[in-house]
Amino acid sequence: MSNTSNLRQAIRAARTQALIGPNVIANALPYLGGGLVLTALGTYGGLQIVRNNPGLFFPTFLGAVILELILFFVAQNVAEKGKNNVALPLLATYSLLSGYTLSGLVFVALRTEGVGIAGIGLAALGCGITFIVARQIGSNLSDTDGIALTKTIRLGLIALFVVVLLQFLFSLFGVYIPTWLEIGISGLGVVLFAGASVVDFYILPRTYRDDQYLPAALSMYLTYINLFVFILRLLIALNSRD
């Protein structure tokens, strides 16, 4: 959810600038791919702990969430200053932690009848298809449409962040929302992050230079990880019963 943090600045930049980094997305793609591979490794490690030592998972999960948030802001700040040699290991660690925190949801998906490994594959495939479609749409948006879509998605993501944070806090006290509401929240998340993927292809070349590929990769990484999460949440909710 943290990829809403620099959208306001990006909107201002897009109003006054043409493309300043026409190749930044192409330059970012290898780092995006590497981050996703590290996330998969982190998820695998988390699954092993969930299965073999479940009592250890929750406290380490909370620690990983806190460290992940700290690393995000530090890595983003360092990357935007162009200190790639420092930012790269920070982003690699962030990707591993992100995978670890994702492993709880993946574990639930594997145990949910009707989802399982096929559902996880479907969520990943959905992200890939979204990338292809978003690239075509976002790269061809006019400035008027691009700025309007960016504003809309930004407001939607802020609202979604508040809802998910409240949902997380309630769950800590054993209060869970009904399935129909989970379907609604997850469906909204899928729509918003699909929209965010379109925004990335419009905003990033207008915000970052070609050599600022790491912050661009981080923005895209957050979009697709969150899209994967909400697709998976939606599949779990659709196959669950109150």
Protein backbone atom coordinates (compact mmCIF):
# COMPACT_ATOMS: atom_id res chain seq x y z
CA MET A 1 0.00 0.00 0.00
CA SER A 2 2.94 2.31 0.39
CA ASN A 3 3.12 3.17 -3.30
CA THR A 4 0.62 6.02 -2.71
CA SER A 5 3.34 8.01 -0.93
CA ASN A 6 4.85 9.74 -3.97
CA LEU A 7 1.81 9.98 -6.27
CA ARG A 8 1.07 13.59 -5.31
CA GLN A 9 4.59 14.66 -6.32
CA ALA A 10 4.32 12.63 -9.50
CA ILE A 11 1.09 14.38 -10.49
CA ARG A 12 2.75 17.77 -10.14
CA ALA A 13 5.70 16.59 -12.20
CA ALA A 14 3.47 15.16 -14.92
CA ARG A 15 1.65 18.48 -15.31
CA THR A 16 4.81 20.35 -16.27
CA GLN A 17 7.13 17.81 -17.87
CA ALA A 18 7.25 15.59 -20.91
CA LEU A 19 8.97 12.24 -20.72
CA ILE A 20 12.19 12.61 -18.74
CA GLY A 21 12.91 8.88 -18.56
CA PRO A 22 11.57 7.18 -21.71
CA ASN A 23 13.60 4.05 -20.94
CA VAL A 24 13.25 3.99 -17.16
CA ILE A 25 10.65 1.20 -17.16
CA ALA A 26 12.76 -1.01 -19.44
CA ASN A 27 15.75 -0.36 -17.18
CA ALA A 28 13.70 -1.19 -14.09
CA LEU A 29 12.30 -4.50 -15.33
CA PRO A 30 15.33 -6.71 -14.43
CA TYR A 31 15.25 -5.34 -10.88
CA LEU A 32 11.50 -5.84 -10.70
CA GLY A 33 11.98 -9.46 -11.78
CA GLY A 34 14.79 -9.97 -9.28
CA GLY A 35 12.66 -8.54 -6.49
CA LEU A 36 9.82 -10.90 -7.33
CA VAL A 37 12.18 -13.90 -7.29
CA LEU A 38 13.45 -12.87 -3.85
CA THR A 39 9.85 -12.47 -2.70
CA ALA A 40 9.11 -16.02 -3.82
CA LEU A 41 12.13 -17.24 -1.81
CA GLY A 42 10.95 -15.31 1.24
CA THR A 43 7.49 -16.81 0.86
CA TYR A 44 8.95 -20.31 0.65
CA GLY A 45 10.96 -19.73 3.82
CA GLY A 46 7.91 -18.40 5.62
CA LEU A 47 5.86 -21.41 4.60
CA GLN A 48 8.47 -23.72 6.07
CA ILE A 49 8.22 -21.90 9.42
CA VAL A 50 4.41 -21.92 9.35
CA ARG A 51 4.39 -25.67 8.76
CA ASN A 52 7.24 -26.71 11.05
CA ASN A 53 7.10 -24.14 13.85
CA PRO A 54 3.76 -22.27 13.71
CA GLY A 55 4.22 -20.75 17.17
CA LEU A 56 7.26 -18.88 15.92
CA PHE A 57 5.60 -17.46 12.84
CA PHE A 58 3.29 -14.79 14.32
CA PRO A 59 5.90 -12.91 16.40
CA THR A 60 8.41 -13.05 13.55
CA PHE A 61 5.66 -11.92 11.15
CA LEU A 62 4.99 -8.81 13.26
CA GLY A 63 8.72 -8.08 13.45
CA ALA A 64 9.05 -8.50 9.69
CA VAL A 65 6.14 -6.10 9.05
CA ILE A 66 7.74 -3.40 11.20
CA LEU A 67 11.18 -3.87 9.64
CA GLU A 68 9.63 -3.97 6.17
CA LEU A 69 7.94 -0.58 6.69
CA ILE A 70 11.18 0.98 7.93
CA LEU A 71 13.17 -0.49 5.04
CA PHE A 72 10.65 0.78 2.50
CA PHE A 73 11.02 4.41 3.46
CA VAL A 74 14.79 4.19 3.90
CA ALA A 75 15.31 2.35 0.60
CA GLN A 76 12.99 4.65 -1.30
CA ASN A 77 14.78 7.73 0.01
CA VAL A 78 18.23 6.31 -0.79
CA ALA A 79 17.15 5.14 -4.26
CA GLU A 80 15.66 8.51 -5.19
CA LYS A 81 18.98 10.15 -4.28
CA GLY A 82 20.67 7.92 -6.85
CA LYS A 83 22.70 5.88 -4.34
CA ASN A 84 22.04 2.63 -6.17
CA ASN A 85 24.87 0.68 -4.53
CA VAL A 86 23.31 1.32 -1.12
CA ALA A 87 19.69 1.04 -2.22
CA LEU A 88 20.03 -2.30 -4.01
CA PRO A 89 20.80 -4.48 -0.94
CA LEU A 90 18.13 -2.61 1.03
CA LEU A 91 15.56 -3.34 -1.67
CA ALA A 92 16.69 -6.97 -1.86
CA THR A 93 16.16 -7.34 1.90
CA TYR A 94 12.80 -5.59 1.59
CA SER A 95 11.74 -8.09 -1.10
CA LEU A 96 12.69 -11.06 1.09
CA LEU A 97 10.75 -9.64 4.05
CA SER A 98 7.79 -8.92 1.81
CA GLY A 99 7.76 -12.57 0.78
CA TYR A 100 7.94 -13.67 4.40
CA THR A 101 4.93 -11.54 5.38
CA LEU A 102 3.10 -12.84 2.31
CA SER A 103 3.61 -16.48 3.32
CA GLY A 104 0.71 -16.45 5.82
CA LEU A 105 -1.78 -15.55 3.08
CA VAL A 106 -0.26 -18.12 0.71
CA PHE A 107 -0.54 -20.76 3.45
CA VAL A 108 -4.25 -19.96 3.86
CA ALA A 109 -4.70 -20.15 0.08
CA LEU A 110 -3.05 -23.56 -0.06
CA ARG A 111 -5.40 -24.83 2.64
CA THR A 112 -8.56 -23.34 1.09
CA GLU A 113 -10.54 -25.80 -0.99
CA GLY A 114 -10.98 -24.46 -4.50
CA VAL A 115 -7.89 -22.24 -4.35
CA GLY A 116 -4.67 -24.16 -3.63
CA ILE A 117 -1.64 -24.00 -5.89
CA ALA A 118 -3.88 -23.46 -8.94
CA GLY A 119 -5.35 -20.33 -7.37
CA ILE A 120 -1.89 -18.99 -6.56
CA GLY A 121 -0.87 -19.59 -10.16
CA LEU A 122 -4.04 -17.85 -11.35
CA ALA A 123 -3.25 -14.81 -9.20
CA ALA A 124 0.28 -14.66 -10.64
CA LEU A 125 -1.09 -15.06 -14.18
CA GLY A 126 -3.57 -12.26 -13.52
CA CYS A 127 -0.69 -9.97 -12.55
CA GLY A 128 1.16 -10.86 -15.76
CA ILE A 129 -1.87 -10.18 -17.96
CA THR A 130 -2.47 -6.90 -16.14
CA PHE A 131 1.13 -5.86 -16.83
CA ILE A 132 0.71 -6.44 -20.57
CA VAL A 133 -2.62 -4.61 -20.80
CA ALA A 134 -1.54 -1.77 -18.49
CA ARG A 135 1.60 -1.16 -20.53
CA GLN A 136 -0.43 -0.67 -23.67
CA ILE A 137 -3.00 1.62 -22.02
CA GLY A 138 -0.74 3.61 -19.71
CA SER A 139 1.89 4.34 -22.34
CA ASN A 140 -0.75 5.91 -24.59
CA LEU A 141 -2.72 8.00 -22.08
CA SER A 142 -3.11 11.69 -22.76
CA ASP A 143 -1.94 14.08 -20.05
CA THR A 144 -5.52 14.98 -19.15
CA ASP A 145 -6.61 11.35 -18.79
CA GLY A 146 -3.37 10.31 -17.08
CA ILE A 147 -3.56 12.99 -14.39
CA ALA A 148 -7.28 12.36 -13.81
CA LEU A 149 -6.73 8.61 -13.45
CA THR A 150 -3.76 9.16 -11.13
CA LYS A 151 -5.82 11.39 -8.82
CA THR A 152 -8.67 8.88 -8.74
CA ILE A 153 -6.43 5.91 -8.01
CA ARG A 154 -4.54 7.84 -5.32
CA LEU A 155 -7.73 8.69 -3.44
CA GLY A 156 -8.99 5.13 -3.80
CA LEU A 157 -5.75 3.64 -2.47
CA ILE A 158 -5.79 5.94 0.56
CA ALA A 159 -9.32 4.80 1.39
CA LEU A 160 -8.38 1.16 0.83
CA PHE A 161 -5.33 1.52 3.07
CA VAL A 162 -7.49 2.84 5.91
CA VAL A 163 -10.00 -0.02 5.52
CA VAL A 164 -7.29 -2.72 5.41
CA LEU A 165 -5.50 -1.20 8.43
CA LEU A 166 -8.74 -1.26 10.43
CA GLN A 167 -9.38 -4.82 9.30
CA PHE A 168 -5.90 -5.84 10.46
CA LEU A 169 -6.33 -4.15 13.85
CA PHE A 170 -9.72 -5.82 14.37
CA SER A 171 -8.25 -9.22 13.50
CA LEU A 172 -5.64 -8.81 16.26
CA PHE A 173 -8.56 -8.75 18.73
CA GLY A 174 -10.30 -11.71 17.13
CA VAL A 175 -12.90 -9.63 15.22
CA TYR A 176 -13.30 -10.77 11.62
CA ILE A 177 -15.46 -9.27 8.91
CA PRO A 178 -18.12 -11.36 7.10
CA THR A 179 -17.23 -13.05 3.83
CA TRP A 180 -19.39 -10.76 1.67
CA LEU A 181 -17.53 -7.71 2.96
CA GLU A 182 -14.16 -9.39 2.42
CA ILE A 183 -15.21 -10.08 -1.18
CA GLY A 184 -16.09 -6.40 -1.61
CA ILE A 185 -12.81 -5.15 -0.12
CA SER A 186 -10.73 -7.63 -2.12
CA GLY A 187 -12.57 -6.85 -5.35
CA LEU A 188 -12.02 -3.13 -4.81
CA GLY A 189 -8.32 -3.79 -4.17
CA VAL A 190 -8.02 -5.72 -7.44
CA VAL A 191 -9.63 -2.86 -9.39
CA LEU A 192 -7.53 -0.15 -7.72
CA PHE A 193 -4.20 -1.91 -8.17
CA ALA A 194 -5.03 -2.80 -11.76
CA GLY A 195 -5.62 0.93 -12.20
CA ALA A 196 -2.35 1.67 -10.37
CA SER A 197 -0.49 -0.51 -12.88
CA VAL A 198 -1.83 1.69 -15.69
CA VAL A 199 -0.81 4.79 -13.73
CA ASP A 200 2.74 3.42 -13.35
CA PHE A 201 3.25 3.32 -17.11
CA TYR A 202 2.00 6.90 -17.40
CA ILE A 203 3.68 8.44 -14.34
CA LEU A 204 7.08 6.74 -14.06
CA PRO A 205 8.60 7.99 -17.35
CA ARG A 206 7.46 11.50 -16.38
CA THR A 207 8.84 11.28 -12.85
CA TYR A 208 12.17 9.42 -13.03
CA ARG A 209 15.19 9.71 -15.30
CA ASP A 210 16.50 6.64 -17.08
CA ASP A 211 19.16 6.17 -14.40
CA GLN A 212 16.55 6.25 -11.59
CA TYR A 213 15.44 2.71 -12.33
CA LEU A 214 15.45 1.49 -8.71
CA PRO A 215 12.67 3.76 -7.39
CA ALA A 216 10.71 2.98 -10.56
CA ALA A 217 11.21 -0.75 -9.96
CA LEU A 218 10.07 -0.32 -6.34
CA SER A 219 6.88 1.43 -7.43
CA MET A 220 6.05 -1.31 -9.93
CA TYR A 221 6.97 -4.03 -7.44
CA LEU A 222 4.54 -2.64 -4.87
CA THR A 223 1.78 -2.43 -7.46
CA TYR A 224 2.08 -6.04 -8.58
CA ILE A 225 2.65 -7.53 -5.14
CA ASN A 226 -0.47 -5.80 -3.86
CA LEU A 227 -2.43 -6.83 -6.95
CA PHE A 228 -1.36 -10.44 -6.34
CA VAL A 229 -2.41 -10.17 -2.67
CA PHE A 230 -5.88 -8.85 -3.47
CA ILE A 231 -6.52 -11.35 -6.26
CA LEU A 232 -5.55 -14.12 -3.85
CA ARG A 233 -7.71 -12.65 -1.07
CA LEU A 234 -10.63 -12.49 -3.49
CA LEU A 235 -10.19 -16.13 -4.51
CA ILE A 236 -10.01 -17.21 -0.87
CA ALA A 237 -13.13 -15.21 0.02
CA LEU A 238 -15.08 -16.57 -2.95
CA ASN A 239 -14.24 -20.13 -1.91
CA SER A 240 -14.90 -19.62 1.81
CA ARG A 241 -18.08 -19.93 3.84
CA ASP A 242 -19.13 -17.98 6.92
